[in-house]
Amino acid sequence: MKKNLVLVISLLLIALLFGACKGNNDKSLDEKTKLETENNTDIEETKEPIDVSQADDAQEVVAESNPWFFSSTDLTGKEIHTKEFFADSKLTLVNVWGTFCGPCKAELPDLGKIAREFADKDVQVLGITSDVFKENQSMVEVAKELLAEANVEYTNLTSNNEVNNKILANVYAIPTTYLVDANGVLIGEPIVGANSYEFFANLIEDGLSEIEK
């Protein structure tokens, strides 16, 4: 009787032992299955097709954030979009100046000469008047007279809020001159102060060599 009792108890203990192990194994398997399912879901989500239009939109946002892309009017009242303006030439020499600035006015004849003599190398000059707004016609006329006296025929833009925020906010002295490529990318460092024809010619030649590498 004792032996039978011991045997029954032993069998019960064995059954309980295997039941607990089985229960733990089931739990582990359930967790593993759940984890694999979650991982598979993650993998499937990354396989979804990429919307190319979203990528294009992102590129456009990056392009439009370029501080050199802005709109303004020239001294004749024509609206100019610099993104299109820059695209017309390999390089654009951008000169920020003011009608009140002696050194600015002193270098205008050399800049006019640069514009004429480098046109055949696909280089253009763009002026930005820091103190002339299209609403102030008297100042527009002052700028026109100064440019005519210096024999300058290249485009000069008036200032506006966008020009102030994107360009003039980063100008600490005038004249300041920049070299910009067809994509609106700055080549080299800003040039602060008035310079000669020879200086600008060398700057442009170096810029052309840089973009043709």
N, C-alpha and C. Protein backbone atom coordinates (compact mmCIF):
# COMPACT_ATOMS: atom_id res chain seq x y z
N MET A 1 0.84 -1.20 0.00
CA MET A 1 0.00 0.00 0.00
C MET A 1 0.87 1.25 0.00
N LYS A 2 1.94 1.16 0.86
CA LYS A 2 2.85 2.29 0.94
C LYS A 2 3.53 2.52 -0.40
N LYS A 3 3.93 1.38 -1.01
CA LYS A 3 4.61 1.48 -2.30
C LYS A 3 3.70 2.11 -3.34
N ASN A 4 2.41 1.69 -3.30
CA ASN A 4 1.46 2.27 -4.26
C ASN A 4 1.28 3.77 -4.03
N LEU A 5 1.22 4.15 -2.75
CA LEU A 5 1.05 5.56 -2.42
C LEU A 5 2.25 6.37 -2.89
N VAL A 6 3.42 5.80 -2.62
CA VAL A 6 4.66 6.48 -3.05
C VAL A 6 4.69 6.61 -4.55
N LEU A 7 4.25 5.56 -5.26
CA LEU A 7 4.24 5.56 -6.72
C LEU A 7 3.28 6.61 -7.26
N VAL A 8 2.09 6.69 -6.64
CA VAL A 8 1.09 7.67 -7.08
C VAL A 8 1.62 9.09 -6.88
N ILE A 9 2.21 9.30 -5.69
CA ILE A 9 2.76 10.63 -5.40
C ILE A 9 3.86 10.99 -6.38
N SER A 10 4.71 10.00 -6.67
CA SER A 10 5.81 10.23 -7.62
C SER A 10 5.29 10.60 -8.99
N LEU A 11 4.25 9.88 -9.43
CA LEU A 11 3.67 10.17 -10.75
C LEU A 11 3.06 11.57 -10.80
N LEU A 12 2.39 11.94 -9.68
CA LEU A 12 1.79 13.28 -9.62
C LEU A 12 2.86 14.37 -9.70
N LEU A 13 3.96 14.14 -8.95
CA LEU A 13 5.05 15.12 -8.98
C LEU A 13 5.66 15.25 -10.37
N ILE A 14 5.83 14.10 -11.02
CA ILE A 14 6.38 14.10 -12.39
C ILE A 14 5.45 14.84 -13.33
N ALA A 15 4.13 14.59 -13.19
CA ALA A 15 3.14 15.24 -14.05
C ALA A 15 3.15 16.75 -13.83
N LEU A 16 3.22 17.16 -12.54
CA LEU A 16 3.25 18.59 -12.24
C LEU A 16 4.51 19.24 -12.79
N LEU A 17 5.64 18.52 -12.65
CA LEU A 17 6.91 19.05 -13.13
C LEU A 17 6.88 19.28 -14.63
N PHE A 18 6.44 18.29 -15.38
CA PHE A 18 6.37 18.40 -16.84
C PHE A 18 5.33 19.43 -17.26
N GLY A 19 4.25 19.59 -16.50
CA GLY A 19 3.21 20.57 -16.81
C GLY A 19 3.75 21.97 -16.70
N ALA A 20 4.53 22.28 -15.68
CA ALA A 20 5.12 23.60 -15.49
C ALA A 20 6.10 23.90 -16.59
N CYS A 21 6.92 22.93 -16.92
CA CYS A 21 7.89 23.13 -18.00
C CYS A 21 7.20 23.38 -19.32
N LYS A 22 6.12 22.65 -19.55
CA LYS A 22 5.37 22.81 -20.79
C LYS A 22 4.74 24.19 -20.84
N GLY A 23 4.21 24.60 -19.66
CA GLY A 23 3.60 25.92 -19.61
C GLY A 23 4.63 27.01 -19.90
N ASN A 24 5.81 26.88 -19.31
CA ASN A 24 6.87 27.86 -19.56
C ASN A 24 7.30 27.84 -21.02
N ASN A 25 7.39 26.64 -21.60
CA ASN A 25 7.78 26.53 -23.00
C ASN A 25 6.76 27.20 -23.90
N ASP A 26 5.46 26.98 -23.58
CA ASP A 26 4.40 27.60 -24.39
C ASP A 26 4.51 29.12 -24.33
N LYS A 27 4.80 29.61 -23.11
CA LYS A 27 4.89 31.05 -22.95
C LYS A 27 6.05 31.60 -23.77
N SER A 28 7.18 30.89 -23.71
CA SER A 28 8.35 31.32 -24.47
C SER A 28 8.07 31.31 -25.95
N LEU A 29 7.40 30.28 -26.41
CA LEU A 29 7.08 30.18 -27.83
C LEU A 29 6.13 31.28 -28.25
N ASP A 30 5.13 31.55 -27.37
CA ASP A 30 4.19 32.62 -27.69
C ASP A 30 4.90 33.96 -27.82
N GLU A 31 5.82 34.23 -26.87
CA GLU A 31 6.55 35.48 -26.92
C GLU A 31 7.44 35.55 -28.16
N LYS A 32 8.07 34.41 -28.48
CA LYS A 32 8.93 34.36 -29.66
C LYS A 32 8.12 34.60 -30.92
N THR A 33 6.94 33.95 -30.99
CA THR A 33 6.08 34.13 -32.16
C THR A 33 5.63 35.57 -32.29
N LYS A 34 5.26 36.14 -31.12
CA LYS A 34 4.82 37.54 -31.12
C LYS A 34 5.93 38.45 -31.59
N LEU A 35 7.17 38.20 -31.10
CA LEU A 35 8.32 39.01 -31.48
C LEU A 35 8.60 38.89 -32.96
N GLU A 36 8.55 37.65 -33.48
CA GLU A 36 8.80 37.44 -34.90
C GLU A 36 7.74 38.14 -35.75
N THR A 37 6.49 38.09 -35.27
CA THR A 37 5.41 38.74 -36.01
C THR A 37 5.63 40.24 -36.07
N GLU A 38 6.04 40.81 -34.90
CA GLU A 38 6.30 42.25 -34.88
C GLU A 38 7.45 42.61 -35.80
N ASN A 39 8.51 41.78 -35.76
CA ASN A 39 9.66 42.04 -36.63
C ASN A 39 9.28 41.95 -38.09
N ASN A 40 8.47 40.94 -38.43
CA ASN A 40 8.04 40.79 -39.82
C ASN A 40 7.22 41.98 -40.27
N THR A 41 6.41 42.49 -39.34
CA THR A 41 5.60 43.67 -39.66
C THR A 41 6.49 44.85 -39.99
N ASP A 42 7.56 45.00 -39.17
CA ASP A 42 8.49 46.10 -39.41
C ASP A 42 9.15 45.96 -40.77
N ILE A 43 9.55 44.75 -41.11
CA ILE A 43 10.21 44.51 -42.39
C ILE A 43 9.27 44.79 -43.53
N GLU A 44 8.03 44.35 -43.39
CA GLU A 44 7.06 44.56 -44.46
C GLU A 44 6.80 46.05 -44.68
N GLU A 45 6.82 46.82 -43.58
CA GLU A 45 6.56 48.25 -43.71
C GLU A 45 7.67 48.93 -44.50
N THR A 46 8.91 48.46 -44.29
CA THR A 46 10.02 49.09 -45.01
C THR A 46 10.04 48.70 -46.48
N LYS A 47 9.28 47.67 -46.84
CA LYS A 47 9.23 47.23 -48.23
C LYS A 47 8.20 48.00 -49.04
N GLU A 48 7.42 48.86 -48.37
CA GLU A 48 6.41 49.61 -49.11
C GLU A 48 7.09 50.52 -50.12
N PRO A 49 6.51 50.71 -51.31
CA PRO A 49 7.15 51.54 -52.34
C PRO A 49 7.31 52.98 -51.90
N ILE A 50 8.45 53.60 -52.29
CA ILE A 50 8.74 54.99 -51.94
C ILE A 50 8.04 55.91 -52.92
N ASP A 51 7.38 56.91 -52.39
CA ASP A 51 6.70 57.89 -53.23
C ASP A 51 7.74 58.86 -53.79
N VAL A 52 8.03 58.73 -55.07
CA VAL A 52 9.06 59.55 -55.70
C VAL A 52 8.69 61.02 -55.66
N SER A 53 7.41 61.31 -55.75
CA SER A 53 6.98 62.71 -55.74
C SER A 53 7.34 63.38 -54.43
N GLN A 54 7.32 62.60 -53.32
CA GLN A 54 7.70 63.17 -52.03
C GLN A 54 9.18 63.52 -52.02
N ALA A 55 10.00 62.67 -52.64
CA ALA A 55 11.43 62.94 -52.74
C ALA A 55 11.68 64.19 -53.57
N ASP A 56 10.93 64.32 -54.65
CA ASP A 56 11.07 65.51 -55.50
C ASP A 56 10.67 66.77 -54.74
N ASP A 57 9.58 66.65 -53.96
CA ASP A 57 9.13 67.80 -53.17
C ASP A 57 10.20 68.21 -52.16
N ALA A 58 10.85 67.19 -51.56
CA ALA A 58 11.90 67.48 -50.58
C ALA A 58 13.06 68.22 -51.23
N GLN A 59 13.41 67.80 -52.45
CA GLN A 59 14.49 68.47 -53.17
C GLN A 59 14.11 69.91 -53.49
N GLU A 60 12.85 70.12 -53.83
CA GLU A 60 12.39 71.47 -54.14
C GLU A 60 12.45 72.35 -52.90
N VAL A 61 12.09 71.77 -51.74
CA VAL A 61 12.14 72.54 -50.50
C VAL A 61 13.58 72.96 -50.20
N VAL A 62 14.51 72.01 -50.39
CA VAL A 62 15.92 72.32 -50.16
C VAL A 62 16.38 73.41 -51.11
N ALA A 63 15.97 73.28 -52.38
CA ALA A 63 16.36 74.27 -53.38
C ALA A 63 15.82 75.65 -53.03
N GLU A 64 14.54 75.71 -52.62
CA GLU A 64 13.93 77.00 -52.34
C GLU A 64 14.46 77.62 -51.06
N SER A 65 15.11 76.83 -50.19
CA SER A 65 15.67 77.37 -48.96
C SER A 65 17.01 78.06 -49.22
N ASN A 66 17.54 77.95 -50.43
CA ASN A 66 18.79 78.60 -50.79
C ASN A 66 18.63 80.12 -50.64
N PRO A 67 19.45 80.76 -49.83
CA PRO A 67 19.30 82.20 -49.62
C PRO A 67 19.53 83.03 -50.87
N TRP A 68 20.18 82.43 -51.87
CA TRP A 68 20.44 83.16 -53.11
C TRP A 68 19.27 83.12 -54.08
N PHE A 69 18.25 82.38 -53.74
CA PHE A 69 17.06 82.34 -54.58
C PHE A 69 16.00 83.26 -53.98
N PHE A 70 15.75 84.35 -54.66
CA PHE A 70 14.74 85.32 -54.21
C PHE A 70 14.23 86.09 -55.41
N SER A 71 13.22 86.90 -55.19
CA SER A 71 12.63 87.70 -56.26
C SER A 71 12.69 89.18 -55.89
N SER A 72 12.93 89.99 -56.90
CA SER A 72 12.93 91.43 -56.71
C SER A 72 12.68 92.08 -58.06
N THR A 73 12.65 93.39 -58.08
CA THR A 73 12.50 94.10 -59.36
C THR A 73 13.79 94.86 -59.66
N ASP A 74 14.09 94.98 -60.95
CA ASP A 74 15.25 95.78 -61.32
C ASP A 74 14.87 97.26 -61.37
N LEU A 75 15.79 98.09 -61.78
CA LEU A 75 15.55 99.53 -61.74
C LEU A 75 14.56 100.00 -62.80
N THR A 76 14.21 99.11 -63.73
CA THR A 76 13.18 99.45 -64.73
C THR A 76 11.81 98.94 -64.32
N GLY A 77 11.74 98.24 -63.18
CA GLY A 77 10.47 97.70 -62.71
C GLY A 77 10.20 96.27 -63.13
N LYS A 78 11.15 95.65 -63.83
CA LYS A 78 10.98 94.27 -64.28
C LYS A 78 11.25 93.31 -63.12
N GLU A 79 10.36 92.32 -62.96
CA GLU A 79 10.55 91.34 -61.89
C GLU A 79 11.62 90.33 -62.28
N ILE A 80 12.53 90.08 -61.36
CA ILE A 80 13.63 89.15 -61.59
C ILE A 80 13.58 88.04 -60.55
N HIS A 81 13.67 86.79 -61.00
CA HIS A 81 13.79 85.64 -60.11
C HIS A 81 15.23 85.14 -60.22
N THR A 82 15.97 85.24 -59.16
CA THR A 82 17.41 84.95 -59.25
C THR A 82 17.71 83.49 -59.59
N LYS A 83 16.81 82.58 -59.21
CA LYS A 83 17.04 81.17 -59.56
C LYS A 83 17.15 81.03 -61.08
N GLU A 84 16.28 81.70 -61.80
CA GLU A 84 16.32 81.67 -63.26
C GLU A 84 17.47 82.51 -63.80
N PHE A 85 17.73 83.62 -63.14
CA PHE A 85 18.80 84.52 -63.57
C PHE A 85 20.15 83.82 -63.51
N PHE A 86 20.45 83.17 -62.39
CA PHE A 86 21.73 82.47 -62.24
C PHE A 86 21.88 81.35 -63.26
N ALA A 87 20.77 80.68 -63.55
CA ALA A 87 20.81 79.54 -64.47
C ALA A 87 21.20 79.94 -65.89
N ASP A 88 21.14 81.22 -66.19
CA ASP A 88 21.45 81.69 -67.54
C ASP A 88 22.95 81.75 -67.83
N SER A 89 23.79 81.66 -66.79
CA SER A 89 25.24 81.77 -66.99
C SER A 89 25.98 80.79 -66.09
N LYS A 90 27.23 80.53 -66.45
CA LYS A 90 28.06 79.65 -65.63
C LYS A 90 28.32 80.28 -64.27
N LEU A 91 28.64 81.58 -64.30
CA LEU A 91 28.94 82.31 -63.07
C LEU A 91 28.27 83.67 -63.08
N THR A 92 27.91 84.12 -61.89
CA THR A 92 27.37 85.48 -61.73
C THR A 92 28.15 86.18 -60.62
N LEU A 93 28.69 87.34 -60.95
CA LEU A 93 29.35 88.17 -59.95
C LEU A 93 28.28 89.07 -59.35
N VAL A 94 27.98 88.87 -58.08
CA VAL A 94 26.92 89.64 -57.40
C VAL A 94 27.56 90.73 -56.55
N ASN A 95 27.21 91.96 -56.83
CA ASN A 95 27.80 93.10 -56.13
C ASN A 95 26.72 93.84 -55.34
N VAL A 96 26.88 93.85 -54.01
CA VAL A 96 25.97 94.59 -53.14
C VAL A 96 26.57 95.96 -52.88
N TRP A 97 25.82 97.01 -53.20
CA TRP A 97 26.35 98.36 -53.10
C TRP A 97 25.27 99.33 -52.64
N GLY A 98 25.66 100.58 -52.43
CA GLY A 98 24.70 101.61 -52.03
C GLY A 98 25.01 102.92 -52.72
N THR A 99 23.99 103.71 -52.95
CA THR A 99 24.17 104.97 -53.67
C THR A 99 24.95 106.00 -52.84
N PHE A 100 25.00 105.82 -51.52
CA PHE A 100 25.68 106.74 -50.61
C PHE A 100 27.14 106.37 -50.40
N CYS A 101 27.57 105.22 -50.95
CA CYS A 101 28.87 104.62 -50.64
C CYS A 101 29.92 105.00 -51.68
N GLY A 102 30.93 105.77 -51.26
CA GLY A 102 31.98 106.20 -52.17
C GLY A 102 32.75 105.05 -52.81
N PRO A 103 33.27 104.10 -52.02
CA PRO A 103 34.00 102.97 -52.60
C PRO A 103 33.13 102.14 -53.56
N CYS A 104 31.84 102.04 -53.25
CA CYS A 104 30.93 101.30 -54.14
C CYS A 104 30.88 101.95 -55.51
N LYS A 105 30.72 103.28 -55.50
CA LYS A 105 30.62 104.01 -56.76
C LYS A 105 31.95 103.99 -57.51
N ALA A 106 33.06 103.95 -56.78
CA ALA A 106 34.38 103.96 -57.41
C ALA A 106 34.65 102.70 -58.23
N GLU A 107 34.11 101.56 -57.80
CA GLU A 107 34.39 100.32 -58.53
C GLU A 107 33.36 100.01 -59.61
N LEU A 108 32.30 100.80 -59.72
CA LEU A 108 31.27 100.53 -60.72
C LEU A 108 31.80 100.48 -62.16
N PRO A 109 32.69 101.41 -62.58
CA PRO A 109 33.20 101.33 -63.95
C PRO A 109 33.92 100.01 -64.24
N ASP A 110 34.70 99.53 -63.27
CA ASP A 110 35.41 98.26 -63.47
C ASP A 110 34.43 97.09 -63.54
N LEU A 111 33.38 97.13 -62.75
CA LEU A 111 32.36 96.08 -62.81
C LEU A 111 31.62 96.11 -64.14
N GLY A 112 31.38 97.31 -64.64
CA GLY A 112 30.75 97.42 -65.96
C GLY A 112 31.62 96.82 -67.04
N LYS A 113 32.93 97.05 -66.94
CA LYS A 113 33.88 96.49 -67.90
C LYS A 113 33.93 94.97 -67.79
N ILE A 114 33.90 94.47 -66.56
CA ILE A 114 33.87 93.01 -66.34
C ILE A 114 32.66 92.40 -67.03
N ALA A 115 31.50 93.03 -66.85
CA ALA A 115 30.26 92.50 -67.45
C ALA A 115 30.37 92.43 -68.96
N ARG A 116 30.97 93.43 -69.56
CA ARG A 116 31.09 93.44 -71.03
C ARG A 116 32.12 92.44 -71.53
N GLU A 117 33.27 92.38 -70.88
CA GLU A 117 34.37 91.58 -71.41
C GLU A 117 34.29 90.10 -71.06
N PHE A 118 33.50 89.74 -70.06
CA PHE A 118 33.38 88.33 -69.69
C PHE A 118 32.07 87.71 -70.16
N ALA A 119 31.28 88.46 -70.89
CA ALA A 119 30.00 87.92 -71.38
C ALA A 119 30.22 86.72 -72.29
N ASP A 120 31.30 86.76 -73.10
CA ASP A 120 31.56 85.65 -74.02
C ASP A 120 32.07 84.41 -73.31
N LYS A 121 32.40 84.54 -72.02
CA LYS A 121 32.80 83.38 -71.21
C LYS A 121 31.64 82.88 -70.36
N ASP A 122 30.45 83.35 -70.68
CA ASP A 122 29.23 82.95 -69.98
C ASP A 122 29.24 83.38 -68.51
N VAL A 123 29.72 84.60 -68.30
CA VAL A 123 29.76 85.20 -66.97
C VAL A 123 28.95 86.49 -67.00
N GLN A 124 28.16 86.73 -65.97
CA GLN A 124 27.35 87.95 -65.89
C GLN A 124 27.56 88.63 -64.55
N VAL A 125 27.11 89.87 -64.46
CA VAL A 125 27.20 90.64 -63.22
C VAL A 125 25.79 91.04 -62.80
N LEU A 126 25.54 90.97 -61.50
CA LEU A 126 24.25 91.38 -60.95
C LEU A 126 24.50 92.31 -59.78
N GLY A 127 23.90 93.49 -59.82
CA GLY A 127 24.01 94.43 -58.72
C GLY A 127 22.79 94.37 -57.81
N ILE A 128 23.01 94.56 -56.52
CA ILE A 128 21.91 94.66 -55.55
C ILE A 128 22.08 95.97 -54.80
N THR A 129 21.13 96.88 -54.98
CA THR A 129 21.21 98.19 -54.32
C THR A 129 20.64 98.09 -52.91
N SER A 130 21.49 98.33 -51.93
CA SER A 130 21.07 98.13 -50.54
C SER A 130 20.12 99.21 -50.04
N ASP A 131 20.11 100.37 -50.68
CA ASP A 131 19.32 101.49 -50.17
C ASP A 131 18.26 101.98 -51.15
N VAL A 132 17.98 101.21 -52.18
CA VAL A 132 16.99 101.62 -53.18
C VAL A 132 15.82 100.64 -53.18
N PHE A 133 14.62 101.17 -52.95
CA PHE A 133 13.41 100.37 -52.99
C PHE A 133 12.54 100.85 -54.15
N LYS A 134 11.83 99.94 -54.76
CA LYS A 134 11.06 100.31 -55.95
C LYS A 134 9.99 101.36 -55.64
N GLU A 135 9.53 101.40 -54.39
CA GLU A 135 8.50 102.37 -54.01
C GLU A 135 9.03 103.81 -53.98
N ASN A 136 10.35 103.92 -53.84
CA ASN A 136 10.97 105.25 -53.77
C ASN A 136 11.58 105.59 -55.13
N GLN A 137 10.77 106.18 -55.99
CA GLN A 137 11.19 106.42 -57.37
C GLN A 137 12.35 107.40 -57.46
N SER A 138 12.42 108.34 -56.53
CA SER A 138 13.53 109.30 -56.57
C SER A 138 14.87 108.60 -56.35
N MET A 139 14.90 107.60 -55.47
CA MET A 139 16.13 106.84 -55.24
C MET A 139 16.45 105.93 -56.42
N VAL A 140 15.42 105.43 -57.06
CA VAL A 140 15.62 104.62 -58.27
C VAL A 140 16.31 105.47 -59.33
N GLU A 141 15.89 106.71 -59.47
CA GLU A 141 16.49 107.61 -60.46
C GLU A 141 17.94 107.94 -60.11
N VAL A 142 18.21 108.11 -58.82
CA VAL A 142 19.59 108.37 -58.38
C VAL A 142 20.49 107.20 -58.77
N ALA A 143 20.02 105.98 -58.51
CA ALA A 143 20.80 104.79 -58.86
C ALA A 143 21.02 104.69 -60.37
N LYS A 144 19.99 104.97 -61.13
CA LYS A 144 20.11 104.93 -62.60
C LYS A 144 21.17 105.91 -63.10
N GLU A 145 21.18 107.12 -62.53
CA GLU A 145 22.15 108.14 -62.95
C GLU A 145 23.58 107.71 -62.63
N LEU A 146 23.77 107.16 -61.44
CA LEU A 146 25.10 106.70 -61.04
C LEU A 146 25.60 105.59 -61.97
N LEU A 147 24.73 104.67 -62.30
CA LEU A 147 25.10 103.55 -63.17
C LEU A 147 25.40 104.04 -64.59
N ALA A 148 24.62 105.00 -65.05
CA ALA A 148 24.85 105.54 -66.40
C ALA A 148 26.19 106.26 -66.47
N GLU A 149 26.52 107.02 -65.43
CA GLU A 149 27.81 107.73 -65.38
C GLU A 149 28.98 106.75 -65.38
N ALA A 150 28.78 105.57 -64.78
CA ALA A 150 29.84 104.56 -64.70
C ALA A 150 29.84 103.62 -65.90
N ASN A 151 28.96 103.88 -66.85
CA ASN A 151 28.84 103.04 -68.05
C ASN A 151 28.49 101.59 -67.68
N VAL A 152 27.59 101.46 -66.72
CA VAL A 152 27.12 100.14 -66.27
C VAL A 152 25.79 99.82 -66.93
N GLU A 153 25.74 98.65 -67.56
CA GLU A 153 24.51 98.24 -68.24
C GLU A 153 23.92 96.95 -67.67
N TYR A 154 24.64 96.29 -66.76
CA TYR A 154 24.14 95.03 -66.21
C TYR A 154 22.97 95.28 -65.25
N THR A 155 22.23 94.22 -64.98
CA THR A 155 21.01 94.30 -64.15
C THR A 155 21.34 94.69 -62.71
N ASN A 156 20.56 95.61 -62.18
CA ASN A 156 20.65 95.98 -60.77
C ASN A 156 19.28 95.84 -60.13
N LEU A 157 19.24 95.18 -59.00
CA LEU A 157 17.98 94.93 -58.30
C LEU A 157 17.74 95.93 -57.19
N THR A 158 16.47 96.21 -56.95
CA THR A 158 16.10 97.01 -55.79
C THR A 158 15.97 96.10 -54.57
N SER A 159 15.98 96.69 -53.39
CA SER A 159 15.82 95.92 -52.16
C SER A 159 14.35 95.73 -51.82
N ASN A 160 14.07 94.68 -51.07
CA ASN A 160 12.74 94.43 -50.52
C ASN A 160 12.92 93.57 -49.28
N ASN A 161 11.85 93.15 -48.67
CA ASN A 161 11.95 92.37 -47.43
C ASN A 161 12.72 91.07 -47.64
N GLU A 162 12.48 90.41 -48.76
CA GLU A 162 13.16 89.14 -49.01
C GLU A 162 14.66 89.35 -49.21
N VAL A 163 15.01 90.39 -49.94
CA VAL A 163 16.43 90.72 -50.13
C VAL A 163 17.08 91.06 -48.79
N ASN A 164 16.38 91.83 -47.99
CA ASN A 164 16.91 92.19 -46.67
C ASN A 164 17.15 90.97 -45.81
N ASN A 165 16.18 90.06 -45.77
CA ASN A 165 16.27 88.89 -44.90
C ASN A 165 17.29 87.87 -45.39
N LYS A 166 17.36 87.67 -46.69
CA LYS A 166 18.23 86.62 -47.22
C LYS A 166 19.66 87.08 -47.52
N ILE A 167 19.80 88.33 -47.94
CA ILE A 167 21.12 88.80 -48.36
C ILE A 167 21.67 89.89 -47.43
N LEU A 168 20.97 90.99 -47.33
CA LEU A 168 21.51 92.14 -46.62
C LEU A 168 21.71 91.88 -45.13
N ALA A 169 20.95 90.97 -44.56
CA ALA A 169 21.11 90.64 -43.13
C ALA A 169 22.49 90.06 -42.85
N ASN A 170 23.13 89.51 -43.88
CA ASN A 170 24.45 88.90 -43.72
C ASN A 170 25.57 89.76 -44.29
N VAL A 171 25.24 90.98 -44.68
CA VAL A 171 26.24 91.91 -45.21
C VAL A 171 26.60 92.90 -44.11
N TYR A 172 27.90 92.98 -43.78
CA TYR A 172 28.33 93.84 -42.67
C TYR A 172 29.01 95.12 -43.14
N ALA A 173 29.34 95.17 -44.43
CA ALA A 173 29.94 96.37 -45.01
C ALA A 173 29.74 96.31 -46.51
N ILE A 174 29.67 97.47 -47.14
CA ILE A 174 29.55 97.50 -48.59
C ILE A 174 30.68 98.36 -49.16
N PRO A 175 31.12 98.01 -50.38
CA PRO A 175 30.57 96.95 -51.24
C PRO A 175 31.01 95.56 -50.76
N THR A 176 30.13 94.60 -50.97
CA THR A 176 30.46 93.19 -50.77
C THR A 176 30.11 92.46 -52.06
N THR A 177 31.04 91.64 -52.52
CA THR A 177 30.86 90.96 -53.81
C THR A 177 30.97 89.45 -53.63
N TYR A 178 30.12 88.74 -54.35
CA TYR A 178 30.06 87.28 -54.27
C TYR A 178 30.17 86.69 -55.68
N LEU A 179 30.65 85.46 -55.74
CA LEU A 179 30.66 84.72 -56.99
C LEU A 179 29.73 83.52 -56.81
N VAL A 180 28.72 83.43 -57.66
CA VAL A 180 27.68 82.41 -57.53
C VAL A 180 27.59 81.61 -58.83
N ASP A 181 27.45 80.28 -58.72
CA ASP A 181 27.37 79.46 -59.93
C ASP A 181 25.93 79.37 -60.44
N ALA A 182 25.73 78.58 -61.49
CA ALA A 182 24.42 78.49 -62.14
C ALA A 182 23.36 77.88 -61.25
N ASN A 183 23.79 77.15 -60.20
CA ASN A 183 22.85 76.51 -59.28
C ASN A 183 22.60 77.34 -58.02
N GLY A 184 23.13 78.54 -58.00
CA GLY A 184 22.95 79.38 -56.82
C GLY A 184 23.85 79.00 -55.67
N VAL A 185 24.98 78.37 -55.98
CA VAL A 185 25.94 77.97 -54.95
C VAL A 185 27.08 78.97 -54.90
N LEU A 186 27.40 79.42 -53.71
CA LEU A 186 28.47 80.40 -53.53
C LEU A 186 29.83 79.76 -53.80
N ILE A 187 30.64 80.43 -54.63
CA ILE A 187 31.99 79.96 -54.93
C ILE A 187 32.97 80.82 -54.15
N GLY A 188 33.73 80.22 -53.25
CA GLY A 188 34.68 80.99 -52.46
C GLY A 188 34.01 81.80 -51.36
N GLU A 189 34.73 82.80 -50.88
CA GLU A 189 34.26 83.63 -49.77
C GLU A 189 33.78 85.00 -50.27
N PRO A 190 32.93 85.67 -49.50
CA PRO A 190 32.52 87.03 -49.87
C PRO A 190 33.73 87.96 -49.91
N ILE A 191 33.71 88.89 -50.84
CA ILE A 191 34.79 89.87 -50.98
C ILE A 191 34.28 91.21 -50.46
N VAL A 192 34.84 91.68 -49.36
CA VAL A 192 34.40 92.93 -48.75
C VAL A 192 35.36 94.05 -49.14
N GLY A 193 34.80 95.14 -49.62
CA GLY A 193 35.62 96.29 -50.01
C GLY A 193 35.70 96.44 -51.52
N ALA A 194 36.06 97.64 -51.96
CA ALA A 194 36.17 97.92 -53.39
C ALA A 194 37.41 97.26 -53.98
N ASN A 195 37.30 96.84 -55.24
CA ASN A 195 38.42 96.18 -55.91
C ASN A 195 38.53 96.65 -57.35
N SER A 196 39.62 96.22 -57.99
CA SER A 196 39.93 96.66 -59.35
C SER A 196 39.43 95.66 -60.38
N TYR A 197 39.50 96.06 -61.63
CA TYR A 197 39.16 95.17 -62.75
C TYR A 197 40.02 93.91 -62.70
N GLU A 198 41.32 94.08 -62.48
CA GLU A 198 42.24 92.94 -62.47
C GLU A 198 41.86 91.94 -61.37
N PHE A 199 41.50 92.46 -60.21
CA PHE A 199 41.11 91.58 -59.11
C PHE A 199 39.88 90.75 -59.49
N PHE A 200 38.86 91.41 -60.00
CA PHE A 200 37.63 90.70 -60.37
C PHE A 200 37.88 89.72 -61.51
N ALA A 201 38.73 90.10 -62.46
CA ALA A 201 39.03 89.21 -63.59
C ALA A 201 39.70 87.93 -63.09
N ASN A 202 40.66 88.07 -62.18
CA ASN A 202 41.33 86.89 -61.62
C ASN A 202 40.36 86.04 -60.80
N LEU A 203 39.49 86.71 -60.06
CA LEU A 203 38.49 86.00 -59.25
C LEU A 203 37.59 85.15 -60.14
N ILE A 204 37.16 85.71 -61.24
CA ILE A 204 36.28 84.99 -62.17
C ILE A 204 37.01 83.84 -62.84
N GLU A 205 38.25 84.08 -63.27
CA GLU A 205 39.03 83.01 -63.91
C GLU A 205 39.21 81.83 -62.95
N ASP A 206 39.49 82.13 -61.69
CA ASP A 206 39.63 81.07 -60.68
C ASP A 206 38.30 80.35 -60.49
N GLY A 207 37.21 81.11 -60.50
CA GLY A 207 35.89 80.50 -60.34
C GLY A 207 35.55 79.58 -61.50
N LEU A 208 35.88 79.99 -62.71
CA LEU A 208 35.62 79.15 -63.88
C LEU A 208 36.43 77.86 -63.81
N SER A 209 37.67 77.97 -63.36
CA SER A 209 38.51 76.77 -63.21
C SER A 209 37.93 75.84 -62.16
N GLU A 210 37.38 76.42 -61.10
CA GLU A 210 36.81 75.62 -60.01
C GLU A 210 35.61 74.82 -60.47
N ILE A 211 34.70 75.44 -61.20
CA ILE A 211 33.48 74.73 -61.60
C ILE A 211 33.71 73.76 -62.75
N GLU A 212 34.84 73.91 -63.44
CA GLU A 212 35.13 73.02 -64.56
C GLU A 212 35.99 71.83 -64.16
N LYS A 213 36.32 71.71 -62.87
CA LYS A 213 37.12 70.57 -62.40
C LYS A 213 36.34 69.28 -62.55
